[in-house]
Protein backbone atom coordinates (compact mmCIF):
# COMPACT_ATOMS: atom_id res chain seq x y z
CA MET A 1 40.97 -46.47 -52.63
CA ASN A 2 38.94 -49.42 -53.90
CA LYS A 3 36.77 -46.86 -55.70
CA LYS A 4 33.86 -48.15 -57.75
CA GLN A 5 32.58 -47.34 -61.20
CA TYR A 6 30.51 -44.18 -61.36
CA GLU A 7 29.45 -42.41 -64.54
CA GLY A 8 27.22 -39.69 -63.12
CA TYR A 9 23.90 -41.52 -62.93
CA THR A 10 21.33 -40.23 -60.44
CA SER A 11 18.18 -42.10 -59.49
CA PHE A 12 15.30 -42.03 -61.96
CA SER A 13 17.07 -39.71 -64.38
CA TYR A 14 15.29 -41.65 -67.13
CA LEU A 15 12.04 -40.07 -65.88
CA LYS A 16 10.84 -36.46 -65.65
CA ALA A 17 10.71 -34.85 -62.22
CA ASN A 18 7.31 -33.56 -61.10
CA LYS A 19 5.71 -35.34 -64.04
CA ASP A 20 6.56 -39.01 -63.45
CA TYR A 21 7.31 -38.57 -59.74
CA LYS A 22 7.21 -35.85 -57.09
CA GLN A 23 10.56 -34.14 -56.62
CA TYR A 24 11.88 -33.36 -53.13
CA GLU A 25 14.95 -31.40 -52.12
CA LEU A 26 17.38 -34.10 -50.95
CA ALA A 27 20.50 -34.16 -48.77
CA THR A 28 22.90 -35.25 -51.51
CA ASP A 29 25.98 -33.45 -50.12
CA LEU A 30 28.64 -35.97 -49.11
CA ASN A 31 30.12 -33.40 -46.70
CA ARG A 32 26.91 -32.51 -44.88
CA ILE A 33 28.88 -32.15 -41.66
CA PRO A 34 32.55 -31.19 -41.18
CA ALA A 35 34.98 -33.72 -42.62
CA TYR A 36 36.51 -36.07 -40.05
CA SER A 37 40.15 -37.10 -40.11
CA LEU A 38 41.94 -39.89 -38.28
CA HIS A 39 45.24 -38.17 -39.15
CA LEU A 40 46.70 -41.32 -40.67
CA THR A 41 50.39 -41.30 -41.48
CA ALA A 42 51.58 -42.16 -44.98
CA ASP A 43 52.37 -45.69 -43.78
CA GLU A 44 48.92 -46.05 -42.23
CA GLU A 45 47.28 -44.77 -45.43
CA ASN A 46 49.20 -47.42 -47.36
CA LYS A 47 47.94 -50.12 -44.98
CA LEU A 48 44.37 -48.87 -45.40
CA ASN A 49 44.73 -48.99 -49.17
CA GLU A 50 46.27 -52.47 -49.01
CA ILE A 51 43.48 -53.86 -46.84
CA MET A 52 40.68 -52.37 -48.94
CA THR A 53 42.29 -53.36 -52.24
CA ASN A 54 43.30 -56.93 -51.39
CA ASN A 55 40.38 -58.08 -49.23
CA PRO A 56 36.58 -58.22 -49.45
CA ILE A 57 35.08 -55.22 -47.66
CA VAL A 58 31.65 -56.15 -46.32
CA SER A 59 29.17 -53.88 -44.57
CA LEU A 60 26.61 -56.00 -42.77
CA ARG A 61 24.24 -53.01 -42.86
CA ASP A 62 24.40 -49.75 -44.78
CA HIS A 63 22.14 -47.87 -47.18
CA GLY A 64 22.34 -45.78 -50.32
CA PHE A 65 19.13 -44.04 -49.19
CA ILE A 66 19.01 -40.23 -49.33
CA VAL A 67 16.97 -38.28 -46.76
CA PRO A 68 15.10 -35.08 -47.70
CA LYS A 69 16.68 -31.85 -46.45
CA LYS A 70 13.44 -30.64 -44.81
CA TYR A 71 12.15 -32.54 -41.80
CA GLU A 72 8.53 -32.08 -42.86
CA ASP A 73 9.25 -33.83 -46.17
CA ILE A 74 10.59 -37.06 -44.63
CA VAL A 75 7.33 -38.90 -43.96
CA PRO A 76 5.59 -37.99 -47.25
CA TYR A 77 8.78 -38.78 -49.20
CA CYS A 78 8.91 -42.28 -47.72
CA GLY A 79 5.35 -42.80 -48.92
CA GLU A 80 6.46 -42.30 -52.52
CA LEU A 81 7.48 -45.02 -54.96
CA HIS A 82 10.52 -43.02 -56.05
CA THR A 83 13.04 -42.66 -53.22
CA PHE A 84 16.58 -41.85 -54.30
CA PHE A 85 19.78 -43.89 -53.99
CA HIS A 86 23.18 -42.18 -53.68
CA TYR A 87 25.22 -44.06 -56.31
CA GLU A 88 28.08 -41.56 -56.14
CA GLY A 89 28.30 -41.89 -52.36
CA ILE A 90 28.42 -45.69 -52.56
CA ALA A 91 31.07 -45.48 -55.29
CA ASN A 92 33.21 -43.43 -52.90
CA SER A 93 32.70 -45.83 -49.99
CA GLY A 94 35.14 -48.53 -51.08
CA ILE A 95 32.67 -51.17 -49.90
CA ASP A 96 32.49 -54.35 -51.98
CA ILE A 97 29.33 -55.85 -50.44
CA ILE A 98 26.45 -54.21 -48.57
CA PHE A 99 23.60 -55.98 -46.80
CA GLU A 100 21.02 -53.50 -48.13
CA ASN A 101 17.38 -53.51 -47.01
CA PHE A 102 16.48 -50.45 -49.11
CA MET A 103 14.94 -48.92 -45.94
CA ASP A 104 12.00 -51.31 -46.08
CA GLY A 105 11.10 -50.50 -42.46
CA ILE A 106 10.04 -46.95 -43.35
CA SER A 107 8.52 -47.65 -46.75
CA THR A 108 4.86 -46.61 -46.48
CA ILE A 109 3.85 -46.70 -50.11
CA THR A 110 0.53 -48.48 -49.57
CA SER A 111 0.12 -48.37 -45.78
CA LYS A 112 0.44 -45.96 -42.86
CA ASN A 113 2.68 -48.13 -40.71
CA GLY A 114 5.04 -49.92 -43.09
CA LEU A 115 6.45 -53.46 -42.96
CA LYS A 116 3.58 -54.62 -45.19
CA TRP A 117 3.73 -57.05 -48.12
CA ASP A 118 2.67 -54.62 -50.85
CA ASP A 119 5.03 -51.93 -49.58
CA VAL A 120 8.02 -54.26 -49.83
CA ILE A 121 7.16 -55.67 -53.25
CA TYR A 122 6.58 -52.18 -54.68
CA LEU A 123 9.84 -50.99 -53.11
CA LEU A 124 11.92 -53.85 -54.49
CA GLY A 125 10.47 -53.58 -57.99
CA MET A 126 11.07 -49.83 -58.25
CA ARG A 127 14.58 -50.00 -56.78
CA TYR A 128 15.59 -52.82 -59.12
CA ALA A 129 14.27 -50.82 -62.10
CA ASP A 130 16.49 -47.91 -61.08
CA ILE A 131 19.54 -50.11 -60.44
CA GLN A 132 19.23 -51.61 -63.89
CA ARG A 133 20.12 -48.22 -65.42
CA GLN A 134 23.59 -47.84 -63.88
CA ASN A 135 26.83 -49.75 -63.23
CA THR A 136 27.98 -48.68 -59.75
CA VAL A 137 26.01 -51.29 -57.82
CA SER A 138 24.73 -54.74 -58.72
CA VAL A 139 22.13 -56.97 -57.09
CA ALA A 140 23.71 -60.17 -55.73
CA ARG A 141 21.69 -63.37 -55.65
CA SER A 142 24.53 -65.88 -55.20
CA TYR A 143 27.90 -66.16 -53.50
CA SER A 144 29.65 -65.87 -56.87
CA ASP A 145 27.82 -62.56 -57.48
CA LEU A 146 29.41 -61.29 -54.29
CA THR A 147 32.93 -62.34 -55.19
CA ASN A 148 32.66 -60.98 -58.73
CA ALA A 149 31.72 -57.45 -57.64
CA LYS A 150 35.21 -56.41 -56.58
CA GLN A 151 36.72 -57.52 -59.89
CA LEU A 152 34.07 -55.50 -61.75
CA LYS A 153 34.68 -52.43 -59.55
CA GLN A 154 31.11 -52.56 -58.36
CA THR A 155 29.41 -52.73 -54.97
CA ALA A 156 27.26 -55.84 -54.65
CA LEU A 157 23.99 -55.25 -52.80
CA LEU A 158 22.75 -58.32 -50.93
CA PRO A 159 18.98 -57.71 -50.78
CA SER A 160 17.82 -57.89 -47.18
CA LEU A 161 14.73 -57.13 -45.12
CA GLU A 162 14.64 -55.51 -41.69
CA ALA A 163 11.95 -57.87 -40.42
CA ALA A 164 9.76 -60.79 -41.47
CA SER A 165 6.55 -59.03 -40.39
CA ILE A 166 5.38 -58.98 -44.01
CA LEU A 167 4.99 -62.77 -43.96
CA GLU A 168 1.95 -62.47 -41.67
CA ASN A 169 1.16 -66.21 -41.40
CA GLU A 170 2.04 -67.18 -44.98
CA LEU A 171 5.06 -69.50 -44.96
CA ASP A 172 5.38 -69.66 -48.75
CA ARG A 173 6.04 -65.93 -48.83
CA VAL A 174 9.57 -66.81 -47.71
CA ASP A 175 10.09 -68.60 -51.02
CA ILE A 176 8.48 -65.75 -52.95
CA LEU A 177 10.81 -63.24 -51.31
CA TYR A 178 13.74 -65.49 -52.16
CA GLY A 179 12.51 -65.43 -55.76
CA PHE A 180 12.52 -61.62 -55.59
CA GLY A 181 16.17 -61.77 -54.55
CA ILE A 182 15.97 -61.48 -50.76
CA ARG A 183 18.96 -63.27 -49.23
CA CYS A 184 18.86 -62.01 -45.63
CA MET A 185 15.84 -61.32 -43.42
CA GLY A 186 15.37 -60.19 -39.85
CA ILE A 187 12.97 -62.20 -37.71
CA THR A 188 11.39 -59.18 -35.99
CA TYR A 189 11.82 -55.44 -35.80
CA ASN A 190 11.37 -53.67 -32.45
CA GLU A 191 7.81 -54.89 -31.90
CA ALA A 192 6.51 -58.45 -31.92
CA ASN A 193 5.12 -60.15 -35.00
CA THR A 194 3.84 -63.64 -35.82
CA LEU A 195 7.38 -65.06 -35.55
CA GLY A 196 8.49 -63.76 -32.16
CA SER A 197 9.11 -60.82 -29.87
CA GLY A 198 10.93 -57.64 -30.78
CA LEU A 199 13.38 -55.99 -28.44
CA ILE A 200 11.01 -53.35 -27.00
CA GLU A 201 8.33 -55.80 -25.82
CA ARG A 202 7.90 -55.92 -22.03
CA ARG A 203 7.57 -59.69 -22.13
CA ASP A 204 9.55 -61.78 -24.59
CA GLY A 205 7.57 -64.89 -25.48
CA GLY A 206 10.37 -66.27 -27.64
CA LEU A 207 10.13 -67.78 -31.11
CA THR A 208 6.60 -68.88 -32.05
CA ASN A 209 5.70 -72.13 -33.75
CA PHE A 210 5.28 -70.22 -37.00
CA GLY A 211 8.64 -68.60 -36.39
CA ARG A 212 10.25 -72.04 -36.13
CA ARG A 213 8.75 -73.01 -39.46
CA VAL A 214 10.10 -69.82 -41.02
CA VAL A 215 13.59 -70.49 -39.65
CA GLU A 216 13.49 -73.99 -41.13
CA ARG A 217 12.35 -72.66 -44.51
CA MET A 218 15.05 -69.98 -44.54
CA ASN A 219 17.67 -72.64 -43.77
CA THR A 220 16.32 -74.82 -46.56
CA LEU A 221 16.38 -72.01 -49.13
CA GLY A 222 19.77 -70.63 -48.12
CA MET A 223 18.56 -67.30 -46.69
CA ILE A 224 20.59 -65.61 -43.96
CA ILE A 225 18.80 -65.03 -40.64
CA ASP A 226 19.24 -61.70 -38.81
CA ILE A 227 18.32 -61.19 -35.13
CA SER A 228 19.50 -57.59 -34.68
CA HIS A 229 16.08 -56.37 -33.49
CA CYS A 230 14.83 -59.49 -31.71
CA GLY A 231 14.17 -59.74 -27.98
CA ASP A 232 16.72 -61.68 -25.97
CA GLN A 233 14.74 -64.92 -25.59
CA THR A 234 13.59 -64.82 -29.20
CA SER A 235 17.23 -64.36 -30.23
CA LEU A 236 18.31 -67.39 -28.21
CA ASP A 237 15.47 -69.49 -29.64
CA VAL A 238 16.40 -68.56 -33.21
CA ILE A 239 20.06 -69.37 -32.62
CA GLU A 240 19.12 -72.77 -31.21
CA GLU A 241 16.54 -73.53 -33.90
CA SER A 242 18.65 -72.59 -36.91
CA ARG A 243 20.90 -75.16 -38.56
CA ASP A 244 23.03 -72.32 -39.94
CA PRO A 245 24.91 -69.57 -38.14
CA VAL A 246 22.78 -66.53 -37.34
CA LEU A 247 23.85 -62.91 -37.81
CA MET A 248 23.37 -59.76 -35.80
CA THR A 249 24.01 -57.48 -38.75
CA HIS A 250 23.89 -54.25 -36.73
CA ALA A 251 24.05 -54.32 -32.94
CA GLY A 252 26.29 -53.64 -29.94
CA ALA A 253 27.11 -54.68 -26.37
CA ARG A 254 24.61 -54.02 -23.57
CA THR A 255 27.35 -54.30 -20.97
CA LEU A 256 28.77 -51.05 -22.36
CA TRP A 257 25.41 -49.33 -22.93
CA ASN A 258 22.36 -50.73 -21.14
CA THR A 259 19.53 -50.28 -23.64
CA PRO A 260 17.21 -52.79 -25.35
CA ARG A 261 18.89 -52.04 -28.69
CA MET A 262 22.15 -53.53 -27.42
CA LYS A 263 22.67 -57.27 -26.78
CA PRO A 264 23.60 -58.94 -23.46
CA ASP A 265 26.76 -61.01 -23.20
CA HIS A 266 25.03 -64.40 -23.08
CA VAL A 267 23.15 -63.71 -26.33
CA LEU A 268 26.29 -62.42 -28.04
CA GLN A 269 28.19 -65.51 -26.92
CA ALA A 270 25.42 -67.86 -28.07
CA CYS A 271 25.47 -66.23 -31.50
CA ALA A 272 29.23 -66.65 -31.78
CA GLU A 273 29.22 -70.24 -30.49
CA LYS A 274 26.87 -71.16 -33.35
CA GLY A 275 29.35 -69.63 -35.81
CA GLY A 276 27.54 -66.31 -36.20
CA ILE A 277 28.85 -62.76 -36.65
CA ILE A 278 28.00 -59.60 -34.70
CA GLY A 279 28.14 -56.48 -36.87
CA VAL A 280 28.72 -53.36 -34.80
CA CYS A 281 26.37 -50.53 -35.75
CA ALA A 282 26.79 -46.77 -35.76
CA ALA A 283 23.21 -45.53 -36.04
CA PRO A 284 23.07 -42.32 -33.99
CA ASN A 285 22.61 -42.75 -30.23
CA THR A 286 22.85 -46.54 -30.21
CA THR A 287 26.42 -47.72 -29.59
CA LEU A 288 27.26 -45.15 -26.96
CA THR A 289 29.47 -45.84 -23.92
CA LYS A 290 29.88 -44.35 -20.46
CA SER A 291 33.32 -43.02 -21.42
CA SER A 292 32.03 -40.93 -24.35
CA SER A 293 29.98 -37.76 -23.90
CA LYS A 294 28.89 -37.91 -27.53
CA HIS A 295 28.42 -40.60 -30.15
CA SER A 296 31.59 -40.92 -32.20
CA ILE A 297 33.79 -43.44 -33.92
CA HIS A 298 35.57 -43.92 -30.61
CA SER A 299 32.48 -45.09 -28.73
CA VAL A 300 31.47 -47.33 -31.62
CA MET A 301 34.90 -48.93 -31.71
CA GLU A 302 34.76 -49.51 -27.94
CA HIS A 303 31.94 -51.91 -28.76
CA VAL A 304 34.12 -53.56 -31.41
CA GLU A 305 36.97 -54.04 -28.95
CA TYR A 306 34.64 -55.34 -26.26
CA LEU A 307 33.18 -57.91 -28.65
CA VAL A 308 36.61 -59.00 -29.85
CA ASP A 309 37.52 -59.72 -26.23
CA LEU A 310 34.17 -61.41 -25.49
CA VAL A 311 33.61 -63.66 -28.52
CA GLY A 312 36.87 -63.54 -30.47
CA ILE A 313 37.99 -61.72 -33.60
CA ASP A 314 36.44 -64.38 -35.88
CA HIS A 315 32.90 -63.43 -34.86
CA VAL A 316 32.95 -59.64 -35.18
CA GLY A 317 32.11 -57.50 -38.19
CA PHE A 318 31.05 -53.99 -39.18
CA GLY A 319 27.39 -53.04 -39.74
CA PRO A 320 27.42 -49.23 -39.49
CA ASP A 321 23.78 -48.76 -40.60
CA THR A 322 24.43 -45.36 -42.18
CA PHE A 323 22.84 -43.51 -45.07
CA PHE A 324 22.93 -40.02 -46.61
CA GLY A 325 21.34 -37.09 -44.81
CA ASP A 326 20.07 -36.42 -41.30
CA HIS A 327 19.75 -39.83 -39.63
CA VAL A 328 18.48 -38.37 -36.34
CA ALA A 329 15.72 -36.42 -38.10
CA LEU A 330 14.55 -39.62 -39.76
CA GLN A 331 14.58 -41.42 -36.39
CA HIS A 332 12.35 -38.71 -34.93
CA ALA A 333 10.01 -38.77 -37.92
CA PHE A 334 9.35 -42.51 -37.53
CA ASP A 335 9.72 -42.88 -33.77
CA ASP A 336 6.04 -43.51 -33.01
CA MET A 337 5.74 -46.05 -35.82
CA LEU A 338 8.94 -47.98 -35.07
CA GLY A 339 9.53 -47.52 -31.34
CA ILE A 340 13.01 -46.10 -31.85
CA SER A 341 13.23 -44.01 -28.67
CA VAL A 342 12.05 -46.98 -26.58
CA SER A 343 14.82 -49.10 -28.08
CA HIS A 344 17.32 -46.41 -27.00
CA SER A 345 15.92 -46.13 -23.46
CA GLY A 346 17.54 -47.14 -20.18
CA GLU A 347 20.49 -44.75 -20.13
CA GLU A 348 20.58 -40.98 -19.72
CA PHE A 349 22.40 -39.20 -22.54
CA LYS A 350 22.47 -36.02 -24.55
CA GLU A 351 21.35 -36.79 -28.07
CA SER A 352 24.15 -36.59 -30.62
CA PRO A 353 23.08 -34.98 -33.92
CA TYR A 354 25.31 -37.40 -35.85
CA VAL A 355 28.07 -39.94 -35.24
CA GLU A 356 31.40 -38.18 -35.56
CA GLY A 357 33.58 -40.05 -38.06
CA LEU A 358 30.79 -42.40 -39.18
CA GLU A 359 28.19 -40.07 -40.64
CA ASN A 360 27.51 -41.80 -43.96
CA PRO A 361 28.65 -44.80 -46.03
CA SER A 362 31.28 -42.84 -47.95
CA GLU A 363 33.39 -42.56 -44.79
CA ALA A 364 32.15 -45.17 -42.30
CA MET A 365 33.91 -48.38 -43.32
CA LYS A 366 37.12 -46.57 -44.28
CA ASN A 367 37.29 -44.90 -40.89
CA MET A 368 36.50 -48.06 -38.92
CA ILE A 369 39.34 -49.82 -40.71
CA GLY A 370 41.59 -46.79 -40.27
CA TRP A 371 40.81 -46.70 -36.54
CA MET A 372 41.95 -50.32 -36.18
CA ILE A 373 45.15 -49.50 -38.07
CA LYS A 374 45.82 -46.62 -35.66
CA LYS A 375 45.35 -49.08 -32.77
CA ASN A 376 47.96 -51.41 -34.27
CA TYR A 377 45.67 -54.32 -35.08
CA SER A 378 47.29 -56.72 -37.51
CA ILE A 379 46.31 -56.58 -41.17
CA GLU A 380 45.08 -60.17 -40.81
CA ASP A 381 42.70 -59.30 -37.96
CA ILE A 382 41.43 -56.14 -39.64
CA ALA A 383 40.72 -58.11 -42.83
CA LYS A 384 38.65 -60.59 -40.81
CA VAL A 385 36.46 -57.93 -39.17
CA SER A 386 36.06 -55.85 -42.33
CA GLY A 387 34.89 -58.71 -44.51
CA GLN A 388 36.47 -62.14 -44.27
CA ASN A 389 34.36 -63.24 -41.29
CA ALA A 390 31.15 -62.34 -43.10
CA MET A 391 32.32 -64.00 -46.33
CA LYS A 392 32.97 -67.26 -44.49
CA VAL A 393 29.43 -67.38 -43.14
CA MET A 394 27.85 -66.34 -46.46
CA LYS A 395 29.79 -69.01 -48.34
CA GLY A 396 28.25 -71.65 -46.09
CA ILE A 397 24.67 -70.40 -46.52
CA LEU A 398 24.23 -68.83 -49.94
CA ILE A 399 24.11 -70.91 -53.09
């Protein structure tokens, strides 16, 4: 089903483990948790195959990253140059295009707290060296690179960054990052930086003067702007300041789940009115709802349906934000550094160990599309949410 090329390559197999890099035991099993089934009929399976074969399938946020099996290995592993990418898992995903940030937010190669310039440059260089050795994924730097991937049976990775914190106060670093292939960048992560306020700040000061200059430069270069982790006022300021549509690559609706990580209706509507897309995420314990006792595909898709009703089908997409291995363990490992639990605060809930039906990239997009088929959405509308909406915005921004 829209399967990609895969010839058995595993990350850094051109090097020698424990000589050229430190080897960790990794969670490479694609069936780490029990397999989930939507119980599609033969007709529904045919529709799923038709949609994924005939249309661009775009994940606004997913990762090929593999987590270590042991919790105690997670932090030291993320401080290494050689972190592994699950090429087989991505080949099985059926995704044509992924907004991939290579987990830059937890890369601590040269620093203790991440989101630093050297960390990101080291990370990009090493990941590109690994990608060069295989043919499952390709690095996309133009719109034509994106459209060619499906024909080549590859997944195009659109290099992205979680946040622009690494700019510090150096505007020309935006151009340098563009030169290194970055085509989408978040303005902030959860905490404030020199551009604006993140979503866990008690007071949101909005977009700074430097932030306005960065937005202008990103518009000029043709770099997509992401406000998934921005505070509400900063989000509104970015939307107003940008000449181009702005994306929320991985978010959800605060009306359904009242936490800082979710977005209020007026911000969601402002994003859509500017022509932007809201990608609904499935990172564990984010897109919950009052009607679900645990985080599952059903609660995630409640957010999708809410957004379709609020802003229209043309402004909704999928940004599952999944990877391979224990996502919750990684959240705990980096909570103090990234303010993850604060971003999930405001509602009482029992922590889900994983998102049922959306545990990793090999199943997430397929199941989100399959869920919409089960709910009798038209093929036309499903094609919009699963890729066409994102393609329209990218065509207008990327060269």
